[in-house]
All heavy atoms as atom14 arrays in JSON, in Angstrom:
{
  "sequence": "WTQMLASNLKSDSFGEALVKTFDGKHPCCLCKRISTEKKSEKKSDFNL",
  "atom14_mask": [
    [1, 1, 1, 1, 1, 1, 1, 1, 1, 1, 1, 1, 1, 1],
    [1, 1, 1, 1, 1, 1, 1, 0, 0, 0, 0, 0, 0, 0],
    [1, 1, 1, 1, 1, 1, 1, 1, 1, 0, 0, 0, 0, 0],
    [1, 1, 1, 1, 1, 1, 1, 1, 0, 0, 0, 0, 0, 0],
    [1, 1, 1, 1, 1, 1, 1, 1, 0, 0, 0, 0, 0, 0],
    [1, 1, 1, 1, 1, 0, 0, 0, 0, 0, 0, 0, 0, 0],
    [1, 1, 1, 1, 1, 1, 0, 0, 0, 0, 0, 0, 0, 0],
    [1, 1, 1, 1, 1, 1, 1, 1, 0, 0, 0, 0, 0, 0],
    [1, 1, 1, 1, 1, 1, 1, 1, 0, 0, 0, 0, 0, 0],
    [1, 1, 1, 1, 1, 1, 1, 1, 1, 0, 0, 0, 0, 0],
    [1, 1, 1, 1, 1, 1, 0, 0, 0, 0, 0, 0, 0, 0],
    [1, 1, 1, 1, 1, 1, 1, 1, 0, 0, 0, 0, 0, 0],
    [1, 1, 1, 1, 1, 1, 0, 0, 0, 0, 0, 0, 0, 0],
    [1, 1, 1, 1, 1, 1, 1, 1, 1, 1, 1, 0, 0, 0],
    [1, 1, 1, 1, 0, 0, 0, 0, 0, 0, 0, 0, 0, 0],
    [1, 1, 1, 1, 1, 1, 1, 1, 1, 0, 0, 0, 0, 0],
    [1, 1, 1, 1, 1, 0, 0, 0, 0, 0, 0, 0, 0, 0],
    [1, 1, 1, 1, 1, 1, 1, 1, 0, 0, 0, 0, 0, 0],
    [1, 1, 1, 1, 1, 1, 1, 0, 0, 0, 0, 0, 0, 0],
    [1, 1, 1, 1, 1, 1, 1, 1, 1, 0, 0, 0, 0, 0],
    [1, 1, 1, 1, 1, 1, 1, 0, 0, 0, 0, 0, 0, 0],
    [1, 1, 1, 1, 1, 1, 1, 1, 1, 1, 1, 0, 0, 0],
    [1, 1, 1, 1, 1, 1, 1, 1, 0, 0, 0, 0, 0, 0],
    [1, 1, 1, 1, 0, 0, 0, 0, 0, 0, 0, 0, 0, 0],
    [1, 1, 1, 1, 1, 1, 1, 1, 1, 0, 0, 0, 0, 0],
    [1, 1, 1, 1, 1, 1, 1, 1, 1, 1, 0, 0, 0, 0],
    [1, 1, 1, 1, 1, 1, 1, 0, 0, 0, 0, 0, 0, 0],
    [1, 1, 1, 1, 1, 1, 0, 0, 0, 0, 0, 0, 0, 0],
    [1, 1, 1, 1, 1, 1, 0, 0, 0, 0, 0, 0, 0, 0],
    [1, 1, 1, 1, 1, 1, 1, 1, 0, 0, 0, 0, 0, 0],
    [1, 1, 1, 1, 1, 1, 0, 0, 0, 0, 0, 0, 0, 0],
    [1, 1, 1, 1, 1, 1, 1, 1, 1, 0, 0, 0, 0, 0],
    [1, 1, 1, 1, 1, 1, 1, 1, 1, 1, 1, 0, 0, 0],
    [1, 1, 1, 1, 1, 1, 1, 1, 0, 0, 0, 0, 0, 0],
    [1, 1, 1, 1, 1, 1, 0, 0, 0, 0, 0, 0, 0, 0],
    [1, 1, 1, 1, 1, 1, 1, 0, 0, 0, 0, 0, 0, 0],
    [1, 1, 1, 1, 1, 1, 1, 1, 1, 0, 0, 0, 0, 0],
    [1, 1, 1, 1, 1, 1, 1, 1, 1, 0, 0, 0, 0, 0],
    [1, 1, 1, 1, 1, 1, 1, 1, 1, 0, 0, 0, 0, 0],
    [1, 1, 1, 1, 1, 1, 0, 0, 0, 0, 0, 0, 0, 0],
    [1, 1, 1, 1, 1, 1, 1, 1, 1, 0, 0, 0, 0, 0],
    [1, 1, 1, 1, 1, 1, 1, 1, 1, 0, 0, 0, 0, 0],
    [1, 1, 1, 1, 1, 1, 1, 1, 1, 0, 0, 0, 0, 0],
    [1, 1, 1, 1, 1, 1, 0, 0, 0, 0, 0, 0, 0, 0],
    [1, 1, 1, 1, 1, 1, 1, 1, 0, 0, 0, 0, 0, 0],
    [1, 1, 1, 1, 1, 1, 1, 1, 1, 1, 1, 0, 0, 0],
    [1, 1, 1, 1, 1, 1, 1, 1, 0, 0, 0, 0, 0, 0],
    [1, 1, 1, 1, 1, 1, 1, 1, 0, 0, 0, 0, 0, 0]
  ],
  "atom14_positions": [
    [[132.83, 118.18, 116.86], [132.86, 118.77, 115.49], [134.38, 118.77, 115.03], [134.54, 118.62, 113.85], [132.24, 120.2, 115.58], [130.77, 120.23, 115.54], [129.94, 119.26, 114.98], [130.09, 121.3, 116.09], [128.65, 119.78, 115.22], [128.63, 120.89, 115.86], [130.25, 122.45, 116.77], [127.63, 121.75, 116.29], [129.22, 123.24, 117.19], [127.92, 122.9, 116.9]],
    [[135.22, 119.04, 115.9], [136.67, 119.05, 115.56], [137.06, 117.73, 115.09], [137.85, 117.63, 114.08], [137.53, 119.65, 116.8], [137.05, 120.91, 117.22], [138.98, 119.79, 116.31], [0.0, 0.0, 0.0], [0.0, 0.0, 0.0], [0.0, 0.0, 0.0], [0.0, 0.0, 0.0], [0.0, 0.0, 0.0], [0.0, 0.0, 0.0], [0.0, 0.0, 0.0]],
    [[136.73, 116.73, 115.81], [137.09, 115.34, 115.31], [136.38, 115.04, 114.04], [137.01, 114.38, 113.19], [136.71, 114.33, 116.47], [137.54, 114.47, 117.72], [137.12, 113.46, 118.71], [135.96, 112.81, 118.65], [137.83, 113.27, 119.81], [0.0, 0.0, 0.0], [0.0, 0.0, 0.0], [0.0, 0.0, 0.0], [0.0, 0.0, 0.0], [0.0, 0.0, 0.0]],
    [[135.15, 115.39, 113.86], [134.5, 115.1, 112.61], [135.08, 115.84, 111.43], [135.38, 115.31, 110.33], [132.96, 115.58, 112.67], [132.14, 114.68, 113.52], [130.51, 115.23, 113.66], [129.96, 115.45, 112.09], [0.0, 0.0, 0.0], [0.0, 0.0, 0.0], [0.0, 0.0, 0.0], [0.0, 0.0, 0.0], [0.0, 0.0, 0.0], [0.0, 0.0, 0.0]],
    [[135.5, 117.12, 111.62], [136.15, 117.84, 110.63], [137.49, 117.22, 110.21], [137.84, 117.12, 109.02], [136.35, 119.34, 111.06], [136.94, 120.24, 109.99], [136.04, 120.4, 108.75], [137.07, 121.66, 110.62], [0.0, 0.0, 0.0], [0.0, 0.0, 0.0], [0.0, 0.0, 0.0], [0.0, 0.0, 0.0], [0.0, 0.0, 0.0], [0.0, 0.0, 0.0]],
    [[138.28, 116.73, 111.26], [139.57, 116.19, 110.92], [139.36, 114.9, 110.17], [140.1, 114.64, 109.25], [140.25, 115.97, 112.22], [0.0, 0.0, 0.0], [0.0, 0.0, 0.0], [0.0, 0.0, 0.0], [0.0, 0.0, 0.0], [0.0, 0.0, 0.0], [0.0, 0.0, 0.0], [0.0, 0.0, 0.0], [0.0, 0.0, 0.0], [0.0, 0.0, 0.0]],
    [[138.42, 114.09, 110.64], [138.19, 112.82, 109.85], [137.59, 113.0, 108.54], [137.95, 112.27, 107.54], [137.31, 111.89, 110.67], [135.95, 112.47, 110.77], [0.0, 0.0, 0.0], [0.0, 0.0, 0.0], [0.0, 0.0, 0.0], [0.0, 0.0, 0.0], [0.0, 0.0, 0.0], [0.0, 0.0, 0.0], [0.0, 0.0, 0.0], [0.0, 0.0, 0.0]],
    [[136.78, 114.04, 108.23], [136.28, 114.31, 106.94], [137.32, 114.96, 106.04], [137.25, 114.79, 104.79], [135.05, 115.31, 107.02], [133.84, 114.52, 107.66], [133.72, 113.35, 107.51], [132.93, 115.41, 108.21], [0.0, 0.0, 0.0], [0.0, 0.0, 0.0], [0.0, 0.0, 0.0], [0.0, 0.0, 0.0], [0.0, 0.0, 0.0], [0.0, 0.0, 0.0]],
    [[138.26, 115.62, 106.57], [139.3, 116.17, 105.74], [140.25, 115.08, 105.18], [140.91, 115.32, 104.17], [140.26, 117.27, 106.6], [139.51, 118.59, 106.74], [140.39, 119.42, 107.78], [139.44, 119.29, 105.44], [0.0, 0.0, 0.0], [0.0, 0.0, 0.0], [0.0, 0.0, 0.0], [0.0, 0.0, 0.0], [0.0, 0.0, 0.0], [0.0, 0.0, 0.0]],
    [[140.31, 113.94, 105.73], [141.08, 112.88, 105.23], [140.58, 112.38, 103.82], [141.42, 111.87, 103.06], [141.2, 111.65, 106.26], [141.85, 112.01, 107.49], [141.95, 110.85, 108.42], [142.59, 111.24, 109.7], [142.46, 110.07, 110.71], [0.0, 0.0, 0.0], [0.0, 0.0, 0.0], [0.0, 0.0, 0.0], [0.0, 0.0, 0.0], [0.0, 0.0, 0.0]],
    [[139.34, 112.45, 103.67], [138.72, 112.01, 102.51], [138.13, 112.97, 101.46], [137.84, 112.73, 100.32], [137.57, 110.92, 102.73], [136.57, 111.48, 103.49], [0.0, 0.0, 0.0], [0.0, 0.0, 0.0], [0.0, 0.0, 0.0], [0.0, 0.0, 0.0], [0.0, 0.0, 0.0], [0.0, 0.0, 0.0], [0.0, 0.0, 0.0], [0.0, 0.0, 0.0]],
    [[137.79, 114.2, 102.0], [137.08, 115.21, 101.29], [137.97, 116.43, 101.21], [138.96, 116.65, 102.0], [135.68, 115.51, 101.79], [134.86, 114.32, 101.77], [134.91, 113.47, 100.9], [133.99, 114.15, 102.84], [0.0, 0.0, 0.0], [0.0, 0.0, 0.0], [0.0, 0.0, 0.0], [0.0, 0.0, 0.0], [0.0, 0.0, 0.0], [0.0, 0.0, 0.0]],
    [[137.5, 117.35, 100.29], [138.17, 118.72, 100.34], [137.66, 119.56, 101.52], [136.78, 119.13, 102.22], [137.86, 119.47, 99.03], [136.46, 119.8, 99.0], [0.0, 0.0, 0.0], [0.0, 0.0, 0.0], [0.0, 0.0, 0.0], [0.0, 0.0, 0.0], [0.0, 0.0, 0.0], [0.0, 0.0, 0.0], [0.0, 0.0, 0.0], [0.0, 0.0, 0.0]],
    [[138.31, 120.62, 101.78], [137.99, 121.48, 102.97], [136.49, 121.91, 102.95], [135.79, 121.78, 103.94], [138.93, 122.66, 103.07], [138.61, 123.54, 104.27], [139.03, 123.11, 105.54], [137.91, 124.72, 104.22], [138.73, 123.86, 106.59], [137.57, 125.45, 105.25], [138.03, 125.14, 106.59], [0.0, 0.0, 0.0], [0.0, 0.0, 0.0], [0.0, 0.0, 0.0]],
    [[136.03, 122.41, 101.68], [134.64, 122.84, 101.69], [133.63, 121.69, 101.92], [132.64, 121.9, 102.68], [0.0, 0.0, 0.0], [0.0, 0.0, 0.0], [0.0, 0.0, 0.0], [0.0, 0.0, 0.0], [0.0, 0.0, 0.0], [0.0, 0.0, 0.0], [0.0, 0.0, 0.0], [0.0, 0.0, 0.0], [0.0, 0.0, 0.0], [0.0, 0.0, 0.0]],
    [[133.84, 120.62, 101.31], [133.01, 119.47, 101.42], [133.07, 118.88, 102.86], [132.05, 118.55, 103.51], [133.3, 118.37, 100.46], [133.14, 118.68, 99.03], [133.81, 117.74, 98.06], [134.42, 116.71, 98.55], [133.63, 117.73, 96.89], [0.0, 0.0, 0.0], [0.0, 0.0, 0.0], [0.0, 0.0, 0.0], [0.0, 0.0, 0.0], [0.0, 0.0, 0.0]],
    [[134.25, 118.94, 103.47], [134.39, 118.46, 104.79], [133.58, 119.36, 105.83], [132.99, 118.85, 106.76], [135.76, 118.31, 105.15], [0.0, 0.0, 0.0], [0.0, 0.0, 0.0], [0.0, 0.0, 0.0], [0.0, 0.0, 0.0], [0.0, 0.0, 0.0], [0.0, 0.0, 0.0], [0.0, 0.0, 0.0], [0.0, 0.0, 0.0], [0.0, 0.0, 0.0]],
    [[133.75, 120.64, 105.57], [133.05, 121.59, 106.43], [131.5, 121.43, 106.34], [130.8, 121.45, 107.31], [133.43, 123.04, 106.03], [133.3, 124.09, 107.0], [134.08, 123.83, 108.26], [133.66, 125.43, 106.38], [0.0, 0.0, 0.0], [0.0, 0.0, 0.0], [0.0, 0.0, 0.0], [0.0, 0.0, 0.0], [0.0, 0.0, 0.0], [0.0, 0.0, 0.0]],
    [[131.02, 121.27, 105.09], [129.55, 121.08, 105.0], [129.14, 119.83, 105.64], [128.1, 119.77, 106.25], [129.21, 121.2, 103.49], [127.79, 120.79, 103.23], [129.39, 122.54, 102.87], [0.0, 0.0, 0.0], [0.0, 0.0, 0.0], [0.0, 0.0, 0.0], [0.0, 0.0, 0.0], [0.0, 0.0, 0.0], [0.0, 0.0, 0.0], [0.0, 0.0, 0.0]],
    [[129.83, 118.74, 105.37], [129.46, 117.45, 105.87], [129.51, 117.41, 107.38], [128.78, 116.72, 108.1], [130.51, 116.43, 105.32], [130.02, 114.96, 105.42], [131.08, 114.03, 104.7], [130.63, 112.62, 104.74], [131.57, 111.74, 104.07], [0.0, 0.0, 0.0], [0.0, 0.0, 0.0], [0.0, 0.0, 0.0], [0.0, 0.0, 0.0], [0.0, 0.0, 0.0]],
    [[130.43, 118.18, 107.98], [130.53, 118.28, 109.45], [129.31, 119.01, 110.09], [128.8, 118.52, 111.08], [131.81, 118.97, 109.9], [132.93, 118.29, 109.31], [131.96, 119.06, 111.3], [0.0, 0.0, 0.0], [0.0, 0.0, 0.0], [0.0, 0.0, 0.0], [0.0, 0.0, 0.0], [0.0, 0.0, 0.0], [0.0, 0.0, 0.0], [0.0, 0.0, 0.0]],
    [[128.97, 120.05, 109.44], [127.82, 120.95, 110.08], [126.5, 120.77, 109.52], [125.59, 121.55, 109.9], [128.29, 122.33, 110.06], [129.56, 122.65, 110.87], [130.87, 122.94, 110.31], [129.51, 122.55, 112.25], [131.9, 123.12, 111.03], [130.54, 122.81, 112.96], [131.82, 123.07, 112.45], [0.0, 0.0, 0.0], [0.0, 0.0, 0.0], [0.0, 0.0, 0.0]],
    [[126.22, 119.97, 108.54], [124.92, 119.77, 108.01], [123.95, 119.06, 108.78], [122.7, 119.22, 108.62], [124.98, 119.22, 106.55], [125.32, 117.8, 106.53], [125.68, 117.21, 107.58], [125.38, 117.18, 105.42], [0.0, 0.0, 0.0], [0.0, 0.0, 0.0], [0.0, 0.0, 0.0], [0.0, 0.0, 0.0], [0.0, 0.0, 0.0], [0.0, 0.0, 0.0]],
    [[124.3, 118.27, 109.71], [123.49, 117.57, 110.67], [122.95, 116.23, 110.03], [122.28, 115.4, 110.75], [0.0, 0.0, 0.0], [0.0, 0.0, 0.0], [0.0, 0.0, 0.0], [0.0, 0.0, 0.0], [0.0, 0.0, 0.0], [0.0, 0.0, 0.0], [0.0, 0.0, 0.0], [0.0, 0.0, 0.0], [0.0, 0.0, 0.0], [0.0, 0.0, 0.0]],
    [[123.38, 115.9, 108.83], [122.92, 114.62, 108.26], [123.96, 113.51, 108.45], [123.61, 112.43, 108.2], [122.76, 114.9, 106.7], [121.67, 115.88, 106.27], [121.63, 116.14, 104.85], [120.62, 117.23, 104.51], [120.62, 117.61, 103.11], [0.0, 0.0, 0.0], [0.0, 0.0, 0.0], [0.0, 0.0, 0.0], [0.0, 0.0, 0.0], [0.0, 0.0, 0.0]],
    [[125.13, 113.92, 108.92], [126.21, 112.9, 109.05], [126.8, 113.01, 110.45], [127.93, 113.23, 110.64], [127.39, 113.14, 108.02], [126.86, 113.19, 106.58], [126.53, 114.4, 106.02], [126.63, 112.24, 105.74], [126.17, 114.14, 104.72], [126.17, 112.82, 104.63], [0.0, 0.0, 0.0], [0.0, 0.0, 0.0], [0.0, 0.0, 0.0], [0.0, 0.0, 0.0]],
    [[125.97, 112.85, 111.57], [126.46, 112.87, 112.91], [127.4, 111.71, 113.21], [127.12, 110.55, 112.78], [125.21, 112.82, 113.74], [124.21, 112.12, 112.95], [124.55, 112.41, 111.54], [0.0, 0.0, 0.0], [0.0, 0.0, 0.0], [0.0, 0.0, 0.0], [0.0, 0.0, 0.0], [0.0, 0.0, 0.0], [0.0, 0.0, 0.0], [0.0, 0.0, 0.0]],
    [[128.41, 111.99, 114.04], [129.28, 110.94, 114.48], [128.7, 110.3, 115.76], [127.74, 110.75, 116.25], [130.67, 111.52, 114.77], [130.77, 112.65, 116.13], [0.0, 0.0, 0.0], [0.0, 0.0, 0.0], [0.0, 0.0, 0.0], [0.0, 0.0, 0.0], [0.0, 0.0, 0.0], [0.0, 0.0, 0.0], [0.0, 0.0, 0.0], [0.0, 0.0, 0.0]],
    [[129.3, 109.27, 116.31], [128.79, 108.58, 117.52], [128.87, 109.45, 118.69], [127.91, 109.47, 119.51], [129.57, 107.35, 117.75], [131.29, 107.6, 118.05], [0.0, 0.0, 0.0], [0.0, 0.0, 0.0], [0.0, 0.0, 0.0], [0.0, 0.0, 0.0], [0.0, 0.0, 0.0], [0.0, 0.0, 0.0], [0.0, 0.0, 0.0], [0.0, 0.0, 0.0]],
    [[129.81, 110.39, 118.79], [129.83, 111.35, 119.95], [128.71, 112.36, 119.85], [128.05, 112.71, 120.76], [131.16, 112.07, 119.97], [131.5, 112.95, 121.13], [131.35, 112.25, 122.45], [132.78, 113.6, 121.04], [0.0, 0.0, 0.0], [0.0, 0.0, 0.0], [0.0, 0.0, 0.0], [0.0, 0.0, 0.0], [0.0, 0.0, 0.0], [0.0, 0.0, 0.0]],
    [[128.35, 112.86, 118.5], [127.21, 113.71, 118.42], [126.01, 113.12, 118.76], [125.11, 113.75, 119.44], [127.24, 114.23, 117.03], [128.54, 115.29, 116.51], [0.0, 0.0, 0.0], [0.0, 0.0, 0.0], [0.0, 0.0, 0.0], [0.0, 0.0, 0.0], [0.0, 0.0, 0.0], [0.0, 0.0, 0.0], [0.0, 0.0, 0.0], [0.0, 0.0, 0.0]],
    [[125.82, 111.83, 118.36], [124.52, 111.12, 118.81], [124.46, 110.93, 120.23], [123.38, 111.17, 120.89], [124.51, 109.79, 118.09], [124.38, 109.88, 116.53], [124.42, 108.48, 115.88], [124.55, 108.55, 114.41], [124.74, 107.24, 113.81], [0.0, 0.0, 0.0], [0.0, 0.0, 0.0], [0.0, 0.0, 0.0], [0.0, 0.0, 0.0], [0.0, 0.0, 0.0]],
    [[125.54, 110.63, 120.97], [125.57, 110.48, 122.34], [125.23, 111.79, 123.1], [124.54, 111.85, 124.04], [126.91, 109.84, 122.74], [127.03, 109.62, 124.24], [126.24, 108.32, 124.66], [126.25, 108.15, 126.05], [126.97, 107.18, 126.65], [127.68, 106.46, 126.0], [126.87, 107.16, 127.93], [0.0, 0.0, 0.0], [0.0, 0.0, 0.0], [0.0, 0.0, 0.0]],
    [[125.79, 112.85, 122.6], [125.62, 114.15, 123.21], [124.04, 114.51, 123.14], [123.54, 115.06, 124.06], [126.46, 115.24, 122.66], [127.96, 115.0, 123.0], [126.03, 116.63, 123.05], [128.9, 115.84, 122.27], [0.0, 0.0, 0.0], [0.0, 0.0, 0.0], [0.0, 0.0, 0.0], [0.0, 0.0, 0.0], [0.0, 0.0, 0.0], [0.0, 0.0, 0.0]],
    [[123.54, 114.27, 121.92], [122.07, 114.52, 121.7], [121.23, 113.76, 122.65], [120.32, 114.38, 123.23], [121.73, 114.21, 120.26], [120.4, 114.56, 120.07], [0.0, 0.0, 0.0], [0.0, 0.0, 0.0], [0.0, 0.0, 0.0], [0.0, 0.0, 0.0], [0.0, 0.0, 0.0], [0.0, 0.0, 0.0], [0.0, 0.0, 0.0], [0.0, 0.0, 0.0]],
    [[121.41, 112.49, 122.81], [120.6, 111.69, 123.67], [120.85, 112.07, 125.16], [119.92, 112.03, 125.93], [120.93, 110.17, 123.52], [122.31, 109.95, 123.73], [120.5, 109.61, 122.12], [0.0, 0.0, 0.0], [0.0, 0.0, 0.0], [0.0, 0.0, 0.0], [0.0, 0.0, 0.0], [0.0, 0.0, 0.0], [0.0, 0.0, 0.0], [0.0, 0.0, 0.0]],
    [[122.0, 112.37, 125.53], [122.32, 112.79, 126.99], [121.65, 114.1, 127.21], [121.14, 114.37, 128.34], [123.77, 112.83, 127.25], [124.32, 111.41, 127.27], [123.92, 110.48, 128.44], [123.64, 111.04, 129.46], [123.74, 109.35, 128.07], [0.0, 0.0, 0.0], [0.0, 0.0, 0.0], [0.0, 0.0, 0.0], [0.0, 0.0, 0.0], [0.0, 0.0, 0.0]],
    [[121.65, 115.06, 126.32], [121.12, 116.38, 126.64], [119.51, 116.18, 126.73], [118.9, 116.9, 127.58], [121.35, 117.3, 125.42], [122.73, 117.9, 125.52], [123.05, 118.77, 124.21], [122.28, 120.03, 124.27], [122.67, 121.01, 123.15], [0.0, 0.0, 0.0], [0.0, 0.0, 0.0], [0.0, 0.0, 0.0], [0.0, 0.0, 0.0], [0.0, 0.0, 0.0]],
    [[118.93, 115.29, 126.0], [117.48, 115.03, 126.01], [117.11, 114.34, 127.34], [116.13, 114.76, 127.95], [116.93, 114.26, 124.89], [117.01, 115.11, 123.59], [116.53, 114.2, 122.45], [116.74, 114.89, 121.08], [116.33, 114.0, 120.02], [0.0, 0.0, 0.0], [0.0, 0.0, 0.0], [0.0, 0.0, 0.0], [0.0, 0.0, 0.0], [0.0, 0.0, 0.0]],
    [[118.03, 113.46, 127.76], [117.57, 112.78, 128.99], [118.12, 113.44, 130.33], [117.89, 112.92, 131.39], [118.31, 111.3, 128.98], [119.68, 111.43, 129.04], [0.0, 0.0, 0.0], [0.0, 0.0, 0.0], [0.0, 0.0, 0.0], [0.0, 0.0, 0.0], [0.0, 0.0, 0.0], [0.0, 0.0, 0.0], [0.0, 0.0, 0.0], [0.0, 0.0, 0.0]],
    [[118.82, 114.56, 130.22], [119.24, 115.26, 131.43], [118.05, 115.73, 132.23], [117.18, 116.36, 131.62], [120.12, 116.45, 130.94], [120.76, 117.21, 132.09], [121.62, 118.3, 131.56], [122.74, 118.0, 131.04], [121.17, 119.44, 131.73], [0.0, 0.0, 0.0], [0.0, 0.0, 0.0], [0.0, 0.0, 0.0], [0.0, 0.0, 0.0], [0.0, 0.0, 0.0]],
    [[118.23, 115.57, 133.54], [117.0, 115.91, 134.38], [117.13, 117.38, 134.61], [118.11, 118.01, 134.9], [117.26, 115.15, 135.76], [116.12, 115.54, 136.77], [116.39, 114.83, 138.08], [115.3, 115.27, 139.04], [115.54, 114.87, 140.35], [0.0, 0.0, 0.0], [0.0, 0.0, 0.0], [0.0, 0.0, 0.0], [0.0, 0.0, 0.0], [0.0, 0.0, 0.0]],
    [[115.83, 117.93, 134.26], [115.76, 119.35, 134.55], [115.57, 119.62, 135.99], [115.03, 118.77, 136.79], [114.6, 120.02, 133.75], [114.77, 119.77, 132.25], [115.82, 120.65, 131.71], [116.04, 120.33, 130.3], [117.16, 121.05, 129.78], [0.0, 0.0, 0.0], [0.0, 0.0, 0.0], [0.0, 0.0, 0.0], [0.0, 0.0, 0.0], [0.0, 0.0, 0.0]],
    [[115.89, 120.79, 136.55], [115.81, 121.09, 137.88], [114.3, 121.21, 138.3], [113.5, 121.75, 137.41], [116.53, 122.36, 138.3], [115.95, 123.51, 137.63], [0.0, 0.0, 0.0], [0.0, 0.0, 0.0], [0.0, 0.0, 0.0], [0.0, 0.0, 0.0], [0.0, 0.0, 0.0], [0.0, 0.0, 0.0], [0.0, 0.0, 0.0], [0.0, 0.0, 0.0]],
    [[113.91, 120.88, 139.41], [112.56, 120.91, 139.85], [112.19, 122.27, 140.65], [111.23, 122.43, 141.21], [112.24, 119.78, 140.89], [112.37, 118.37, 140.2], [112.09, 118.41, 139.0], [112.63, 117.5, 140.89], [0.0, 0.0, 0.0], [0.0, 0.0, 0.0], [0.0, 0.0, 0.0], [0.0, 0.0, 0.0], [0.0, 0.0, 0.0], [0.0, 0.0, 0.0]],
    [[113.11, 123.22, 140.48], [112.96, 124.44, 141.28], [112.11, 125.33, 140.41], [112.44, 125.78, 139.3], [114.36, 125.09, 141.44], [114.36, 126.48, 142.13], [113.94, 126.57, 143.48], [114.48, 127.6, 141.43], [113.81, 127.85, 144.12], [114.39, 128.83, 142.09], [114.09, 128.9, 143.42], [0.0, 0.0, 0.0], [0.0, 0.0, 0.0], [0.0, 0.0, 0.0]],
    [[110.93, 125.71, 140.84], [110.03, 126.57, 140.12], [109.8, 127.8, 141.05], [109.43, 127.75, 142.22], [108.65, 125.91, 139.97], [108.79, 124.88, 138.96], [109.57, 124.81, 138.09], [107.91, 123.78, 139.13], [0.0, 0.0, 0.0], [0.0, 0.0, 0.0], [0.0, 0.0, 0.0], [0.0, 0.0, 0.0], [0.0, 0.0, 0.0], [0.0, 0.0, 0.0]],
    [[109.98, 128.93, 140.45], [109.9, 130.22, 141.16], [108.5, 130.8, 140.74], [108.24, 131.14, 139.61], [110.97, 131.22, 140.83], [110.87, 132.52, 141.5], [110.95, 132.42, 143.03], [111.98, 133.4, 141.01], [0.0, 0.0, 0.0], [0.0, 0.0, 0.0], [0.0, 0.0, 0.0], [0.0, 0.0, 0.0], [0.0, 0.0, 0.0], [0.0, 0.0, 0.0]]
  ]
}
């Protein structure tokens, strides 16, 4: 998010960059990778 905000501030105003960063419609490559890795992460098999 910090990297996205910094890159969005280069072309947009602060308010627009903030909305663009956190709206979820404009994910960066790192955000996409984090999302796929969180989904594929193996859950523990420990059941109590």
